[in-house]
């Protein structure tokens, strides 16, 4: 699965794997793909440095990248406390009522509430970059549009390619105008924040909109045949996130959540604002149903929603409250039926790709070469 972009980055297969787990990112790179570590959860620069140390060691010299969530426009003088003060009491009460209804225990006294969605803040994201540019990353991806111009310039000065996710051709054109090197066309089927256009329509539109910039196909890809379809539509690689959640190297810290993912079908996800305030595809649960109920209070805009529910999500995950337990994941979850190693997943993707190419060659009356 070689393309011009994969050759530029020095990888064997044009498989780009986004993951919050350093061990998974390293395993993807070792398997011949390109591991990309998600940084949004790292509010402490030292914690990010520790995990990048681990990733760099485990990658065994293979290239890897980092994914941040950084707004294109800087907001001056706004702290997390300022944002917290904007959350209505009624919404705080709604969260508490839900937790009480489903018997979710409190955290122990003095216990931190875990991950908080603060990576969107200017100071947090820039601290992450200060750490990241001290490592041999080869790609910096931004999940919240194009990063600020000075960040793009800084990345290029370090010899780092810059990628940005797009849910429409118009988004992609704005990325190209901003100086982005790679556009990730993320379709409606994808996990996490995603738009309303399906991959089969989106990928060729984005390829045409930003040519000759390379495009990666994302959303609804979990087999080699689907990867071949993405490349046939003009992409120079595939961007996968959900598929790695049930790998042996993943560290979800929740056997119950792993079981839910393995049991879920492609119809068991929903695009909901319940987690961050922006539409994000995730497992459908009683939690998402409560927030999406037209008779309810409704969600707050980003980043208020993420800050509002952070502690609640931590409690739900810690105590594995089944009816509420969920995670961002794409419709491809229906293919995630067993725990496998990252290497096994990559092998399956490449074998399926070869099968698809052979089939198309046969249909076209050509012998496989």
Protein backbone atom coordinates (compact mmCIF):
# COMPACT_ATOMS: atom_id res chain seq x y z
CA UNK A 1 0.00 0.00 0.00
CA UNK A 2 2.57 2.53 -1.13
CA UNK A 3 1.69 6.03 -2.31
CA UNK A 4 3.65 9.20 -2.90
CA UNK A 5 2.84 10.38 0.64
CA UNK A 6 3.82 7.09 2.28
CA UNK A 7 7.15 7.17 0.45
CA UNK A 8 7.76 10.76 1.56
CA UNK A 9 7.20 9.74 5.18
CA UNK A 10 9.23 6.56 4.86
CA UNK A 11 6.48 4.08 5.74
CA UNK A 12 5.67 0.75 4.13
CA UNK A 13 1.88 1.05 4.13
CA UNK A 14 -0.24 4.21 3.68
CA UNK A 15 -2.11 3.39 6.91
CA UNK A 16 -2.34 6.28 9.39
CA UNK A 17 -3.57 5.27 12.83
CA UNK A 18 -4.91 7.83 15.31
CA UNK A 19 -4.97 6.64 18.92
CA UNK A 20 -4.80 8.02 22.48
CA UNK A 21 -2.48 5.16 23.47
CA UNK A 22 1.33 5.45 23.01
CA UNK A 23 1.77 1.67 22.81
CA UNK A 24 -0.79 1.44 20.01
CA UNK A 25 0.77 4.32 18.05
CA UNK A 26 4.19 2.68 18.33
CA UNK A 27 2.83 -0.70 17.26
CA UNK A 28 1.18 0.84 14.18
CA UNK A 29 4.49 2.39 13.17
CA UNK A 30 6.41 -0.84 13.80
CA UNK A 31 3.89 -2.69 11.64
CA UNK A 32 4.72 -0.44 8.70
CA UNK A 33 2.01 2.18 9.13
CA UNK A 34 2.15 5.61 10.73
CA UNK A 35 1.06 5.96 14.36
CA UNK A 36 -0.44 9.29 15.46
CA UNK A 37 -0.81 9.97 19.19
CA UNK A 38 -3.84 12.03 20.24
CA UNK A 39 -2.74 14.80 22.61
CA UNK A 40 -6.01 16.38 23.73
CA UNK A 41 -6.03 14.63 27.12
CA UNK A 42 -2.54 15.86 28.08
CA UNK A 43 -3.04 18.98 30.17
CA UNK A 44 0.28 18.34 31.91
CA UNK A 45 3.29 18.83 29.58
CA UNK A 46 5.36 16.45 31.70
CA UNK A 47 2.82 13.67 31.19
CA UNK A 48 2.95 14.21 27.43
CA UNK A 49 6.76 14.16 27.51
CA UNK A 50 6.68 10.90 29.47
CA UNK A 51 4.38 9.23 26.95
CA UNK A 52 6.32 10.60 23.97
CA UNK A 53 9.47 9.14 25.54
CA UNK A 54 7.67 5.81 25.70
CA UNK A 55 6.32 6.10 22.15
CA UNK A 56 9.69 7.06 20.75
CA UNK A 57 11.35 4.08 22.41
CA UNK A 58 8.66 1.58 21.40
CA UNK A 59 8.50 2.85 17.80
CA UNK A 60 12.02 1.47 17.28
CA UNK A 61 13.08 4.27 14.94
CA UNK A 62 9.91 4.21 12.85
CA UNK A 63 8.18 7.55 12.09
CA UNK A 64 5.16 8.77 14.06
CA UNK A 65 3.09 11.92 14.58
CA UNK A 66 0.95 13.89 17.00
CA UNK A 67 -2.68 15.04 16.85
CA UNK A 68 -3.74 18.20 18.72
CA UNK A 69 -7.01 20.08 19.10
CA UNK A 70 -6.13 23.71 18.52
CA UNK A 71 -8.37 26.60 17.45
CA UNK A 72 -7.26 28.60 14.42
CA UNK A 73 -8.15 31.86 16.20
CA UNK A 74 -6.59 32.79 19.51
CA UNK A 75 -8.83 33.89 22.39
CA UNK A 76 -6.89 36.20 24.70
CA UNK A 77 -7.21 36.24 28.47
CA UNK A 78 -9.73 33.42 28.89
CA UNK A 79 -8.97 30.86 31.60
CA UNK A 80 -10.60 27.54 32.40
CA UNK A 81 -12.12 29.13 35.50
CA UNK A 82 -13.73 31.83 33.34
CA UNK A 83 -15.31 29.16 31.17
CA UNK A 84 -16.47 27.10 34.16
CA UNK A 85 -18.31 30.15 35.49
CA UNK A 86 -20.39 30.25 32.29
CA UNK A 87 -21.99 26.84 32.94
CA UNK A 88 -25.64 27.23 34.07
CA UNK A 89 -26.66 25.74 37.41
CA UNK A 90 -29.59 23.99 35.71
CA UNK A 91 -27.19 21.95 33.57
CA UNK A 92 -25.09 21.04 36.60
CA UNK A 93 -28.28 19.84 38.26
CA UNK A 94 -29.22 17.81 35.18
CA UNK A 95 -25.88 15.98 35.31
CA UNK A 96 -26.28 15.25 39.03
CA UNK A 97 -29.81 13.95 38.51
CA UNK A 98 -28.60 11.54 35.81
CA UNK A 99 -25.78 10.26 38.00
CA UNK A 100 -28.13 9.78 40.94
CA UNK A 101 -30.77 8.02 38.80
CA UNK A 102 -28.24 5.41 37.65
CA UNK A 103 -26.50 5.06 41.02
CA UNK A 104 -23.07 6.33 39.92
CA UNK A 105 -20.81 6.54 43.01
CA UNK A 106 -18.85 9.65 43.93
CA UNK A 107 -15.09 9.76 43.43
CA UNK A 108 -13.00 9.24 46.55
CA UNK A 109 -12.17 12.38 48.50
CA UNK A 110 -9.25 14.18 46.89
CA UNK A 111 -9.33 11.99 43.77
CA UNK A 112 -8.81 13.84 40.52
CA UNK A 113 -11.68 13.68 38.08
CA UNK A 114 -9.48 12.45 35.28
CA UNK A 115 -9.44 13.69 31.71
CA UNK A 116 -10.90 17.16 31.10
CA UNK A 117 -11.43 18.48 27.59
CA UNK A 118 -9.13 21.49 27.85
CA UNK A 119 -6.79 20.74 24.95
CA UNK A 120 -8.78 23.27 22.92
CA UNK A 121 -7.35 26.10 25.04
CA UNK A 122 -4.55 28.13 23.47
CA UNK A 123 -2.14 27.80 26.39
CA UNK A 124 -2.63 24.03 26.72
CA UNK A 125 -2.17 23.32 23.01
CA UNK A 126 0.93 25.50 22.75
CA UNK A 127 2.46 23.79 25.78
CA UNK A 128 1.87 20.48 24.03
CA UNK A 129 3.68 21.76 20.94
CA UNK A 130 6.62 23.01 23.00
CA UNK A 131 7.07 19.42 24.15
CA UNK A 132 6.30 17.74 20.82
CA UNK A 133 8.84 19.66 18.77
CA UNK A 134 11.54 18.24 21.02
CA UNK A 135 10.80 14.79 19.52
CA UNK A 136 11.30 13.51 15.96
CA UNK A 137 7.63 13.75 15.00
CA UNK A 138 7.03 13.73 11.24
CA UNK A 139 3.40 14.90 11.14
CA UNK A 140 1.32 17.33 13.19
CA UNK A 141 -2.43 16.89 12.73
CA UNK A 142 -5.08 19.29 13.99
CA UNK A 143 -8.61 18.06 14.61
CA UNK A 144 -10.17 21.53 14.96
CA UNK A 145 -9.52 23.13 11.58
CA UNK A 146 -6.26 24.69 10.47
CA UNK A 147 -3.89 25.59 13.31
CA UNK A 148 -2.69 29.22 13.63
CA UNK A 149 -0.29 30.41 10.93
CA UNK A 150 2.66 30.65 13.30
CA UNK A 151 2.18 27.00 14.31
CA UNK A 152 2.23 25.90 10.67
CA UNK A 153 5.41 27.92 10.14
CA UNK A 154 7.01 26.45 13.25
CA UNK A 155 6.16 22.91 12.16
CA UNK A 156 7.61 23.47 8.71
CA UNK A 157 10.76 24.92 10.26
CA UNK A 158 11.16 21.60 12.09
CA UNK A 159 10.57 19.63 8.88
CA UNK A 160 7.15 18.46 10.11
CA UNK A 161 4.19 18.07 7.75
CA UNK A 162 0.90 19.59 8.93
CA UNK A 163 -2.45 17.86 8.46
CA UNK A 164 -5.98 19.02 9.22
CA UNK A 165 -9.32 17.22 9.26
CA UNK A 166 -12.10 18.34 6.94
CA UNK A 167 -15.75 17.36 6.73
CA UNK A 168 -16.49 19.23 3.52
CA UNK A 169 -14.74 20.44 0.38
CA UNK A 170 -15.08 24.03 1.61
CA UNK A 171 -13.26 23.16 4.84
CA UNK A 172 -10.55 21.49 2.78
CA UNK A 173 -10.09 24.54 0.55
CA UNK A 174 -9.61 26.71 3.63
CA UNK A 175 -6.96 24.30 4.90
CA UNK A 176 -5.12 24.46 1.58
CA UNK A 177 -5.21 28.26 1.62
CA UNK A 178 -3.76 28.22 5.14
CA UNK A 179 -0.72 26.22 4.01
CA UNK A 180 -1.69 22.75 5.22
CA UNK A 181 0.30 19.87 3.68
CA UNK A 182 -2.20 16.99 4.09
CA UNK A 183 -6.01 17.02 4.30
CA UNK A 184 -7.86 14.26 6.15
CA UNK A 185 -11.30 13.88 4.56
CA UNK A 186 -13.38 12.56 7.45
CA UNK A 187 -16.79 11.22 6.50
CA UNK A 188 -20.03 11.02 8.42
CA UNK A 189 -19.34 7.40 9.43
CA UNK A 190 -16.26 8.31 11.47
CA UNK A 191 -15.96 8.28 15.25
CA UNK A 192 -15.58 11.49 17.21
CA UNK A 193 -16.26 14.93 15.75
CA UNK A 194 -17.53 14.51 12.24
CA UNK A 195 -19.66 16.24 9.64
CA UNK A 196 -22.72 15.19 7.65
CA UNK A 197 -21.22 13.99 4.35
CA UNK A 198 -20.50 10.29 3.79
CA UNK A 199 -17.00 9.18 2.84
CA UNK A 200 -17.94 7.90 -0.61
CA UNK A 201 -19.09 11.41 -1.57
CA UNK A 202 -16.64 13.42 0.53
CA UNK A 203 -13.30 11.90 -0.43
CA UNK A 204 -13.41 12.59 -4.20
CA UNK A 205 -14.83 16.08 -3.56
CA UNK A 206 -11.92 16.91 -1.25
CA UNK A 207 -9.35 15.35 -3.59
CA UNK A 208 -10.60 17.56 -6.41
CA UNK A 209 -10.84 20.66 -4.20
CA UNK A 210 -7.25 20.62 -2.94
CA UNK A 211 -5.31 18.91 -5.77
CA UNK A 212 -2.39 18.33 -5.83
CA UNK A 213 -2.26 18.19 -2.01
CA UNK A 214 -2.43 14.62 -0.66
CA UNK A 215 -5.69 13.53 0.95
CA UNK A 216 -6.27 10.78 3.51
CA UNK A 217 -9.63 8.98 3.57
CA UNK A 218 -11.25 8.62 7.00
CA UNK A 219 -14.57 7.27 8.22
CA UNK A 220 -16.09 3.83 7.62
CA UNK A 221 -12.78 2.13 6.86
CA UNK A 222 -12.02 -1.10 8.70
CA UNK A 223 -10.97 -3.54 5.99
CA UNK A 224 -8.43 -3.69 3.19
CA UNK A 225 -11.24 -3.62 0.65
CA UNK A 226 -12.51 -0.36 2.14
CA UNK A 227 -8.95 0.98 2.15
CA UNK A 228 -8.68 0.15 -1.55
CA UNK A 229 -11.92 2.04 -2.17
CA UNK A 230 -10.47 5.11 -0.47
CA UNK A 231 -7.37 5.00 -2.64
CA UNK A 232 -9.50 4.38 -5.73
CA UNK A 233 -11.36 7.62 -4.91
CA UNK A 234 -8.07 9.52 -5.08
CA UNK A 235 -6.78 9.42 -1.50
CA UNK A 236 -3.09 8.78 -0.82
CA UNK A 237 -3.74 6.85 2.36
CA UNK A 238 -6.30 5.95 5.00
CA UNK A 239 -6.78 7.45 8.46
CA UNK A 240 -8.14 5.00 11.05
CA UNK A 241 -9.08 5.65 14.67
CA UNK A 242 -11.87 3.42 15.95
CA UNK A 243 -10.34 0.16 14.75
CA UNK A 244 -7.50 0.33 17.27
CA UNK A 245 -9.73 0.63 20.36
CA UNK A 246 -10.10 -3.14 20.73
CA UNK A 247 -6.50 -4.07 19.97
CA UNK A 248 -4.48 -5.92 22.56
CA UNK A 249 -2.14 -2.95 22.99
CA UNK A 250 -4.99 -0.52 23.77
CA UNK A 251 -5.43 0.48 27.41
CA UNK A 252 -9.10 1.37 27.88
CA UNK A 253 -8.94 0.53 31.63
CA UNK A 254 -12.46 -0.88 31.27
CA UNK A 255 -13.23 -4.51 30.44
CA UNK A 256 -16.92 -3.57 30.38
CA UNK A 257 -16.34 -0.94 27.69
CA UNK A 258 -14.28 -3.36 25.62
CA UNK A 259 -17.11 -5.88 25.82
CA UNK A 260 -19.62 -3.24 24.71
CA UNK A 261 -17.46 -2.33 21.71
CA UNK A 262 -17.01 -5.95 20.67
CA UNK A 263 -20.77 -6.58 20.93
CA UNK A 264 -21.88 -3.39 19.14
CA UNK A 265 -23.16 -3.35 15.58
CA UNK A 266 -22.77 -0.62 12.97
CA UNK A 267 -26.17 0.78 13.97
CA UNK A 268 -25.26 1.18 17.65
CA UNK A 269 -23.61 4.59 17.36
CA UNK A 270 -25.11 8.08 17.29
CA UNK A 271 -23.89 11.55 16.39
CA UNK A 272 -24.45 13.41 19.65
CA UNK A 273 -23.32 16.65 21.28
CA UNK A 274 -23.41 14.96 24.70
CA UNK A 275 -19.64 14.69 25.12
CA UNK A 276 -18.19 17.98 23.86
CA UNK A 277 -20.99 20.21 22.60
CA UNK A 278 -20.15 19.49 18.96
CA UNK A 279 -21.61 16.54 17.02
CA UNK A 280 -19.40 13.54 17.77
CA UNK A 281 -20.14 9.94 16.80
CA UNK A 282 -20.09 7.63 19.83
CA UNK A 283 -21.79 4.57 21.26
CA UNK A 284 -25.46 5.21 21.87
CA UNK A 285 -26.21 4.93 25.58
CA UNK A 286 -28.73 6.11 28.13
CA UNK A 287 -26.37 9.05 28.63
CA UNK A 288 -26.57 10.19 24.99
CA UNK A 289 -30.32 9.55 24.91
CA UNK A 290 -30.84 11.82 27.92
CA UNK A 291 -28.88 14.68 26.39
CA UNK A 292 -30.48 14.27 22.96
CA UNK A 293 -34.05 14.12 24.33
CA UNK A 294 -35.97 17.08 22.82
CA UNK A 295 -37.80 17.44 26.14
CA UNK A 296 -34.54 17.87 28.06
CA UNK A 297 -32.29 20.86 28.66
CA UNK A 298 -30.11 20.14 25.66
CA UNK A 299 -26.33 20.40 25.48
CA UNK A 300 -24.13 23.45 25.91
CA UNK A 301 -21.78 24.73 23.19
CA UNK A 302 -18.15 23.65 23.08
CA UNK A 303 -16.17 23.88 25.37
CA UNK A 304 -18.81 24.31 28.10
CA UNK A 305 -20.32 20.85 27.58
CA UNK A 306 -16.97 19.09 27.81
CA UNK A 307 -16.09 20.83 31.06
CA UNK A 308 -19.57 20.22 32.46
CA UNK A 309 -19.53 16.46 31.96
CA UNK A 310 -15.82 15.73 32.56
CA UNK A 311 -16.15 14.51 36.14
CA UNK A 312 -19.36 12.61 35.38
CA UNK A 313 -17.71 10.77 32.49
CA UNK A 314 -14.75 9.91 34.72
CA UNK A 315 -17.09 8.46 37.34
CA UNK A 316 -19.09 6.48 34.77
CA UNK A 317 -15.88 5.02 33.34
CA UNK A 318 -14.26 4.27 36.70
CA UNK A 319 -17.28 2.41 38.08
CA UNK A 320 -18.20 0.92 34.67
CA UNK A 321 -21.86 1.92 34.86
CA UNK A 322 -23.07 -0.16 31.93
CA UNK A 323 -26.16 1.80 30.85
CA UNK A 324 -24.18 5.05 30.67
CA UNK A 325 -20.80 3.71 29.59
CA UNK A 326 -19.70 4.80 26.12
CA UNK A 327 -16.88 6.20 24.02
CA UNK A 328 -16.36 7.95 20.69
CA UNK A 329 -16.36 5.31 17.96
CA UNK A 330 -17.32 5.09 14.30
CA UNK A 331 -19.88 2.95 12.51
CA UNK A 332 -17.04 0.55 11.71
CA UNK A 333 -17.49 -0.75 15.29
CA UNK A 334 -19.59 -3.53 13.74
CA UNK A 335 -16.38 -5.07 12.36
CA UNK A 336 -14.61 -4.91 15.73
CA UNK A 337 -15.64 -8.35 16.96
CA UNK A 338 -12.48 -9.67 18.63
CA UNK A 339 -9.37 -8.42 20.41
CA UNK A 340 -6.37 -8.63 18.08
CA UNK A 341 -2.85 -7.31 18.04
CA UNK A 342 -2.10 -4.16 16.03
CA UNK A 343 0.12 -6.28 13.77
CA UNK A 344 -2.81 -8.63 13.08
CA UNK A 345 -5.04 -5.68 12.20
CA UNK A 346 -2.44 -4.27 9.78
CA UNK A 347 -1.90 -7.71 8.23
CA UNK A 348 -5.64 -8.07 7.71
CA UNK A 349 -5.81 -4.62 6.08
CA UNK A 350 -2.98 -5.34 3.66
CA UNK A 351 -4.33 -8.78 2.72
CA UNK A 352 -7.75 -7.31 2.08
CA UNK A 353 -6.19 -4.56 -0.02
CA UNK A 354 -4.42 -7.17 -2.14
CA UNK A 355 -7.68 -9.10 -2.59
CA UNK A 356 -9.47 -5.94 -3.73
CA UNK A 357 -6.74 -5.02 -6.22
CA UNK A 358 -6.73 -8.57 -7.62
CA UNK A 359 -10.51 -8.50 -7.99
CA UNK A 360 -10.51 -5.17 -9.82
CA UNK A 361 -7.71 -6.30 -12.11
CA UNK A 362 -9.74 -9.41 -12.93
CA UNK A 363 -12.85 -7.35 -13.64
CA UNK A 364 -10.83 -5.05 -15.86
CA UNK A 365 -9.40 -8.02 -17.74
CA UNK A 366 -5.87 -7.53 -16.45
CA UNK A 367 -3.61 -9.97 -14.70
CA UNK A 368 -2.44 -8.94 -11.22
CA UNK A 369 1.12 -7.63 -11.11
